[in-house]
Amino acid sequence: MESAILSGKSKKDLQLLVELAEKLGIKARILSAEEKEDLVLGKAIKEGRTGEIIDTDEFLKSLK
């Protein structure tokens, strides 16, 4: 399955694109602010992962 994310300043234009997608048989919807936050947070987590194991004590000290 392929996906696309569109962003625009006009809610009316985005709604028009959603309607067009649905007429073409493509599932589409407008994301809420919370859903957009979740996507961005998930992306940041993936980019920040190194797979490296770190010492818990050292990590906690670095937060202070």
PDB file of N, CA and C in Angstrom:
ATOM      1  N   MET A   1       0.848  -1.174   0.000  1.00  0.00           N
ATOM      2  CA  MET A   1       0.000   0.000   0.000  1.00  0.00           C
ATOM      3  C   MET A   1       0.894   1.238   0.000  1.00  0.00           C
ATOM      4  N   GLU A   2       0.582   2.164  -0.840  1.00  0.00           N
ATOM      5  CA  GLU A   2       1.301   3.434  -0.911  1.00  0.00           C
ATOM      6  C   GLU A   2       0.522   4.493  -0.145  1.00  0.00           C
ATOM      7  N   SER A   3       1.224   5.485   0.374  1.00  0.00           N
ATOM      8  CA  SER A   3       0.584   6.558   1.147  1.00  0.00           C
ATOM      9  C   SER A   3       1.135   7.903   0.720  1.00  0.00           C
ATOM     10  N   ALA A   4       0.345   8.934   0.975  1.00  0.00           N
ATOM     11  CA  ALA A   4       0.776  10.308   0.701  1.00  0.00           C
ATOM     12  C   ALA A   4       0.244  11.197   1.810  1.00  0.00           C
ATOM     13  N   ILE A   5       1.025  12.188   2.171  1.00  0.00           N
ATOM     14  CA  ILE A   5       0.586  13.179   3.151  1.00  0.00           C
ATOM     15  C   ILE A   5       0.617  14.528   2.452  1.00  0.00           C
ATOM     16  N   LEU A   6      -0.490  15.219   2.505  1.00  0.00           N
ATOM     17  CA  LEU A   6      -0.603  16.535   1.878  1.00  0.00           C
ATOM     18  C   LEU A   6      -0.788  17.580   2.961  1.00  0.00           C
ATOM     19  N   SER A   7      -0.218  18.731   2.750  1.00  0.00           N
ATOM     20  CA  SER A   7      -0.344  19.814   3.713  1.00  0.00           C
ATOM     21  C   SER A   7      -0.676  21.090   2.954  1.00  0.00           C
ATOM     22  N   GLY A   8      -1.618  21.848   3.482  1.00  0.00           N
ATOM     23  CA  GLY A   8      -1.991  23.082   2.805  1.00  0.00           C
ATOM     24  C   GLY A   8      -2.525  24.105   3.785  1.00  0.00           C
ATOM     25  N   LYS A   9      -2.650  25.314   3.327  1.00  0.00           N
ATOM     26  CA  LYS A   9      -3.137  26.392   4.190  1.00  0.00           C
ATOM     27  C   LYS A   9      -4.652  26.515   4.151  1.00  0.00           C
ATOM     28  N   SER A  10      -5.265  25.962   3.107  1.00  0.00           N
ATOM     29  CA  SER A  10      -6.705  26.106   2.933  1.00  0.00           C
ATOM     30  C   SER A  10      -7.420  24.797   3.271  1.00  0.00           C
ATOM     31  N   LYS A  11      -8.245  24.832   4.308  1.00  0.00           N
ATOM     32  CA  LYS A  11      -9.017  23.650   4.689  1.00  0.00           C
ATOM     33  C   LYS A  11      -9.971  23.263   3.562  1.00  0.00           C
ATOM     34  N   LYS A  12     -10.497  24.254   2.875  1.00  0.00           N
ATOM     35  CA  LYS A  12     -11.423  24.019   1.761  1.00  0.00           C
ATOM     36  C   LYS A  12     -10.731  23.236   0.638  1.00  0.00           C
ATOM     37  N   ASP A  13      -9.498  23.622   0.302  1.00  0.00           N
ATOM     38  CA  ASP A  13      -8.758  22.928  -0.753  1.00  0.00           C
ATOM     39  C   ASP A  13      -8.428  21.494  -0.343  1.00  0.00           C
ATOM     40  N   LEU A  14      -8.042  21.305   0.917  1.00  0.00           N
ATOM     41  CA  LEU A  14      -7.744  19.955   1.394  1.00  0.00           C
ATOM     42  C   LEU A  14      -8.994  19.083   1.360  1.00  0.00           C
ATOM     43  N   GLN A  15     -10.116  19.648   1.733  1.00  0.00           N
ATOM     44  CA  GLN A  15     -11.367  18.891   1.697  1.00  0.00           C
ATOM     45  C   GLN A  15     -11.699  18.492   0.261  1.00  0.00           C
ATOM     46  N   LEU A  16     -11.444  19.379  -0.686  1.00  0.00           N
ATOM     47  CA  LEU A  16     -11.672  19.078  -2.101  1.00  0.00           C
ATOM     48  C   LEU A  16     -10.797  17.903  -2.547  1.00  0.00           C
ATOM     49  N   LEU A  17      -9.541  17.885  -2.117  1.00  0.00           N
ATOM     50  CA  LEU A  17      -8.641  16.780  -2.457  1.00  0.00           C
ATOM     51  C   LEU A  17      -9.122  15.467  -1.846  1.00  0.00           C
ATOM     52  N   VAL A  18      -9.616  15.516  -0.620  1.00  0.00           N
ATOM     53  CA  VAL A  18     -10.146  14.317   0.038  1.00  0.00           C
ATOM     54  C   VAL A  18     -11.344  13.789  -0.742  1.00  0.00           C
ATOM     55  N   GLU A  19     -12.234  14.678  -1.142  1.00  0.00           N
ATOM     56  CA  GLU A  19     -13.412  14.270  -1.912  1.00  0.00           C
ATOM     57  C   GLU A  19     -13.013  13.656  -3.251  1.00  0.00           C
ATOM     58  N   LEU A  20     -12.035  14.255  -3.918  1.00  0.00           N
ATOM     59  CA  LEU A  20     -11.558  13.724  -5.192  1.00  0.00           C
ATOM     60  C   LEU A  20     -10.949  12.335  -4.996  1.00  0.00           C
ATOM     61  N   ALA A  21     -10.137  12.183  -3.968  1.00  0.00           N
ATOM     62  CA  ALA A  21      -9.521  10.886  -3.682  1.00  0.00           C
ATOM     63  C   ALA A  21     -10.590   9.822  -3.467  1.00  0.00           C
ATOM     64  N   GLU A  22     -11.608  10.158  -2.694  1.00  0.00           N
ATOM     65  CA  GLU A  22     -12.674   9.198  -2.422  1.00  0.00           C
ATOM     66  C   GLU A  22     -13.421   8.820  -3.700  1.00  0.00           C
ATOM     67  N   LYS A  23     -13.628   9.776  -4.611  1.00  0.00           N
ATOM     68  CA  LYS A  23     -14.286   9.479  -5.885  1.00  0.00           C
ATOM     69  C   LYS A  23     -13.431   8.558  -6.745  1.00  0.00           C
ATOM     70  N   LEU A  24     -12.110   8.623  -6.563  1.00  0.00           N
ATOM     71  CA  LEU A  24     -11.190   7.763  -7.308  1.00  0.00           C
ATOM     72  C   LEU A  24     -10.985   6.415  -6.619  1.00  0.00           C
ATOM     73  N   GLY A  25     -11.673   6.204  -5.494  1.00  0.00           N
ATOM     74  CA  GLY A  25     -11.563   4.939  -4.772  1.00  0.00           C
ATOM     75  C   GLY A  25     -10.369   4.871  -3.837  1.00  0.00           C
ATOM     76  N   ILE A  26      -9.849   6.031  -3.469  1.00  0.00           N
ATOM     77  CA  ILE A  26      -8.700   6.108  -2.566  1.00  0.00           C
ATOM     78  C   ILE A  26      -9.198   6.539  -1.194  1.00  0.00           C
ATOM     79  N   LYS A  27      -8.798   5.797  -0.163  1.00  0.00           N
ATOM     80  CA  LYS A  27      -9.186   6.185   1.192  1.00  0.00           C
ATOM     81  C   LYS A  27      -8.430   7.455   1.569  1.00  0.00           C
ATOM     82  N   ALA A  28      -9.126   8.417   2.123  1.00  0.00           N
ATOM     83  CA  ALA A  28      -8.498   9.686   2.497  1.00  0.00           C
ATOM     84  C   ALA A  28      -9.254  10.300   3.659  1.00  0.00           C
ATOM     85  N   ARG A  29      -8.538  11.048   4.485  1.00  0.00           N
ATOM     86  CA  ARG A  29      -9.173  11.786   5.571  1.00  0.00           C
ATOM     87  C   ARG A  29      -8.234  12.883   6.036  1.00  0.00           C
ATOM     88  N   ILE A  30      -8.782  13.842   6.746  1.00  0.00           N
ATOM     89  CA  ILE A  30      -7.996  14.945   7.296  1.00  0.00           C
ATOM     90  C   ILE A  30      -7.611  14.567   8.722  1.00  0.00           C
ATOM     91  N   LEU A  31      -6.328  14.708   9.040  1.00  0.00           N
ATOM     92  CA  LEU A  31      -5.826  14.354  10.365  1.00  0.00           C
ATOM     93  C   LEU A  31      -6.097  15.461  11.373  1.00  0.00           C
ATOM     94  N   SER A  32      -6.344  15.048  12.606  1.00  0.00           N
ATOM     95  CA  SER A  32      -6.499  16.016  13.692  1.00  0.00           C
ATOM     96  C   SER A  32      -5.113  16.512  14.107  1.00  0.00           C
ATOM     97  N   ALA A  33      -5.075  17.563  14.892  1.00  0.00           N
ATOM     98  CA  ALA A  33      -3.800  18.103  15.384  1.00  0.00           C
ATOM     99  C   ALA A  33      -3.064  17.043  16.204  1.00  0.00           C
ATOM    100  N   GLU A  34      -3.799  16.281  16.998  1.00  0.00           N
ATOM    101  CA  GLU A  34      -3.181  15.239  17.829  1.00  0.00           C
ATOM    102  C   GLU A  34      -2.573  14.133  16.963  1.00  0.00           C
ATOM    103  N   GLU A  35      -3.254  13.751  15.900  1.00  0.00           N
ATOM    104  CA  GLU A  35      -2.730  12.722  15.001  1.00  0.00           C
ATOM    105  C   GLU A  35      -1.465  13.209  14.298  1.00  0.00           C
ATOM    106  N   LYS A  36      -1.434  14.479  13.915  1.00  0.00           N
ATOM    107  CA  LYS A  36      -0.234  15.034  13.284  1.00  0.00           C
ATOM    108  C   LYS A  36       0.932  15.034  14.267  1.00  0.00           C
ATOM    109  N   GLU A  37       0.662  15.404  15.522  1.00  0.00           N
ATOM    110  CA  GLU A  37       1.694  15.378  16.564  1.00  0.00           C
ATOM    111  C   GLU A  37       2.252  13.976  16.732  1.00  0.00           C
ATOM    112  N   ASP A  38       1.365  12.983  16.762  1.00  0.00           N
ATOM    113  CA  ASP A  38       1.792  11.596  16.927  1.00  0.00           C
ATOM    114  C   ASP A  38       2.711  11.157  15.789  1.00  0.00           C
ATOM    115  N   LEU A  39       2.386  11.547  14.561  1.00  0.00           N
ATOM    116  CA  LEU A  39       3.231  11.197  13.416  1.00  0.00           C
ATOM    117  C   LEU A  39       4.617  11.822  13.533  1.00  0.00           C
ATOM    118  N   VAL A  40       4.654  13.091  13.894  1.00  0.00           N
ATOM    119  CA  VAL A  40       5.935  13.793  14.022  1.00  0.00           C
ATOM    120  C   VAL A  40       6.760  13.200  15.163  1.00  0.00           C
ATOM    121  N   LEU A  41       6.112  12.894  16.277  1.00  0.00           N
ATOM    122  CA  LEU A  41       6.811  12.300  17.414  1.00  0.00           C
ATOM    123  C   LEU A  41       7.369  10.930  17.044  1.00  0.00           C
ATOM    124  N   GLY A  42       6.576  10.125  16.357  1.00  0.00           N
ATOM    125  CA  GLY A  42       7.041   8.808  15.918  1.00  0.00           C
ATOM    126  C   GLY A  42       8.246   8.908  15.002  1.00  0.00           C
ATOM    127  N   LYS A  43       8.217   9.866  14.096  1.00  0.00           N
ATOM    128  CA  LYS A  43       9.345  10.073  13.182  1.00  0.00           C
ATOM    129  C   LYS A  43      10.593  10.489  13.956  1.00  0.00           C
ATOM    130  N   ALA A  44      10.430  11.384  14.926  1.00  0.00           N
ATOM    131  CA  ALA A  44      11.571  11.843  15.730  1.00  0.00           C
ATOM    132  C   ALA A  44      12.170  10.687  16.524  1.00  0.00           C
ATOM    133  N   ILE A  45      11.318   9.825  17.055  1.00  0.00           N
ATOM    134  CA  ILE A  45      11.805   8.672  17.819  1.00  0.00           C
ATOM    135  C   ILE A  45      12.610   7.748  16.910  1.00  0.00           C
ATOM    136  N   LYS A  46      12.088   7.461  15.714  1.00  0.00           N
ATOM    137  CA  LYS A  46      12.804   6.586  14.779  1.00  0.00           C
ATOM    138  C   LYS A  46      14.154   7.174  14.391  1.00  0.00           C
ATOM    139  N   GLU A  47      14.195   8.475  14.146  1.00  0.00           N
ATOM    140  CA  GLU A  47      15.444   9.120  13.741  1.00  0.00           C
ATOM    141  C   GLU A  47      16.449   9.159  14.883  1.00  0.00           C
ATOM    142  N   GLY A  48      15.962   9.226  16.116  1.00  0.00           N
ATOM    143  CA  GLY A  48      16.849   9.319  17.270  1.00  0.00           C
ATOM    144  C   GLY A  48      17.387   7.990  17.756  1.00  0.00           C
ATOM    145  N   ARG A  49      16.797   6.892  17.300  1.00  0.00           N
ATOM    146  CA  ARG A  49      17.233   5.569  17.753  1.00  0.00           C
ATOM    147  C   ARG A  49      18.574   5.222  17.120  1.00  0.00           C
ATOM    148  N   THR A  50      19.498   4.770  17.954  1.00  0.00           N
ATOM    149  CA  THR A  50      20.803   4.371  17.446  1.00  0.00           C
ATOM    150  C   THR A  50      21.030   2.875  17.586  1.00  0.00           C
ATOM    151  N   GLY A  51      20.245   2.218  18.431  1.00  0.00           N
ATOM    152  CA  GLY A  51      20.444   0.798  18.686  1.00  0.00           C
ATOM    153  C   GLY A  51      21.538   0.554  19.711  1.00  0.00           C
ATOM    154  N   GLU A  52      22.155   1.621  20.149  1.00  0.00           N
ATOM    155  CA  GLU A  52      23.242   1.533  21.121  1.00  0.00           C
ATOM    156  C   GLU A  52      22.660   1.431  22.531  1.00  0.00           C
ATOM    157  N   ILE A  53      23.224   0.532  23.324  1.00  0.00           N
ATOM    158  CA  ILE A  53      22.793   0.393  24.714  1.00  0.00           C
ATOM    159  C   ILE A  53      23.637   1.340  25.559  1.00  0.00           C
ATOM    160  N   ILE A  54      22.967   2.121  26.396  1.00  0.00           N
ATOM    161  CA  ILE A  54      23.690   3.071  27.237  1.00  0.00           C
ATOM    162  C   ILE A  54      23.484   2.720  28.701  1.00  0.00           C
ATOM    163  N   ASP A  55      24.388   3.191  29.527  1.00  0.00           N
ATOM    164  CA  ASP A  55      24.312   2.963  30.963  1.00  0.00           C
ATOM    165  C   ASP A  55      23.201   3.832  31.553  1.00  0.00           C
ATOM    166  N   THR A  56      22.303   3.213  32.299  1.00  0.00           N
ATOM    167  CA  THR A  56      21.161   3.925  32.870  1.00  0.00           C
ATOM    168  C   THR A  56      21.602   5.050  33.794  1.00  0.00           C
ATOM    169  N   ASP A  57      22.572   4.783  34.652  1.00  0.00           N
ATOM    170  CA  ASP A  57      23.040   5.804  35.594  1.00  0.00           C
ATOM    171  C   ASP A  57      23.625   7.010  34.863  1.00  0.00           C
ATOM    172  N   GLU A  58      24.417   6.754  33.834  1.00  0.00           N
ATOM    173  CA  GLU A  58      24.999   7.859  33.063  1.00  0.00           C
ATOM    174  C   GLU A  58      23.904   8.680  32.382  1.00  0.00           C
ATOM    175  N   PHE A  59      22.900   7.999  31.859  1.00  0.00           N
ATOM    176  CA  PHE A  59      21.802   8.695  31.209  1.00  0.00           C
ATOM    177  C   PHE A  59      21.064   9.581  32.200  1.00  0.00           C
ATOM    178  N   LEU A  60      20.760   9.050  33.369  1.00  0.00           N
ATOM    179  CA  LEU A  60      20.041   9.828  34.384  1.00  0.00           C
ATOM    180  C   LEU A  60      20.864  11.026  34.847  1.00  0.00           C
ATOM    181  N   LYS A  61      22.169  10.859  34.966  1.00  0.00           N
ATOM    182  CA  LYS A  61      23.034  11.980  35.350  1.00  0.00           C
ATOM    183  C   LYS A  61      23.026  13.066  34.272  1.00  0.00           C
ATOM    184  N   SER A  62      22.952  12.654  33.015  1.00  0.00           N
ATOM    185  CA  SER A  62      22.967  13.640  31.926  1.00  0.00           C
ATOM    186  C   SER A  62      21.687  14.476  31.900  1.00  0.00           C
ATOM    187  N   LEU A  63      20.626  13.979  32.518  1.00  0.00           N
ATOM    188  CA  LEU A  63      19.368  14.720  32.562  1.00  0.00           C
ATOM    189  C   LEU A  63      19.365  15.805  33.629  1.00  0.00           C
ATOM    190  N   LYS A  64      20.268  15.715  34.581  1.00  0.00           N
ATOM    191  CA  LYS A  64      20.305  16.684  35.690  1.00  0.00           C
ATOM    192  C   LYS A  64      20.999  17.953  35.303  1.00  0.00           C
TER     193      LYS A  64
END
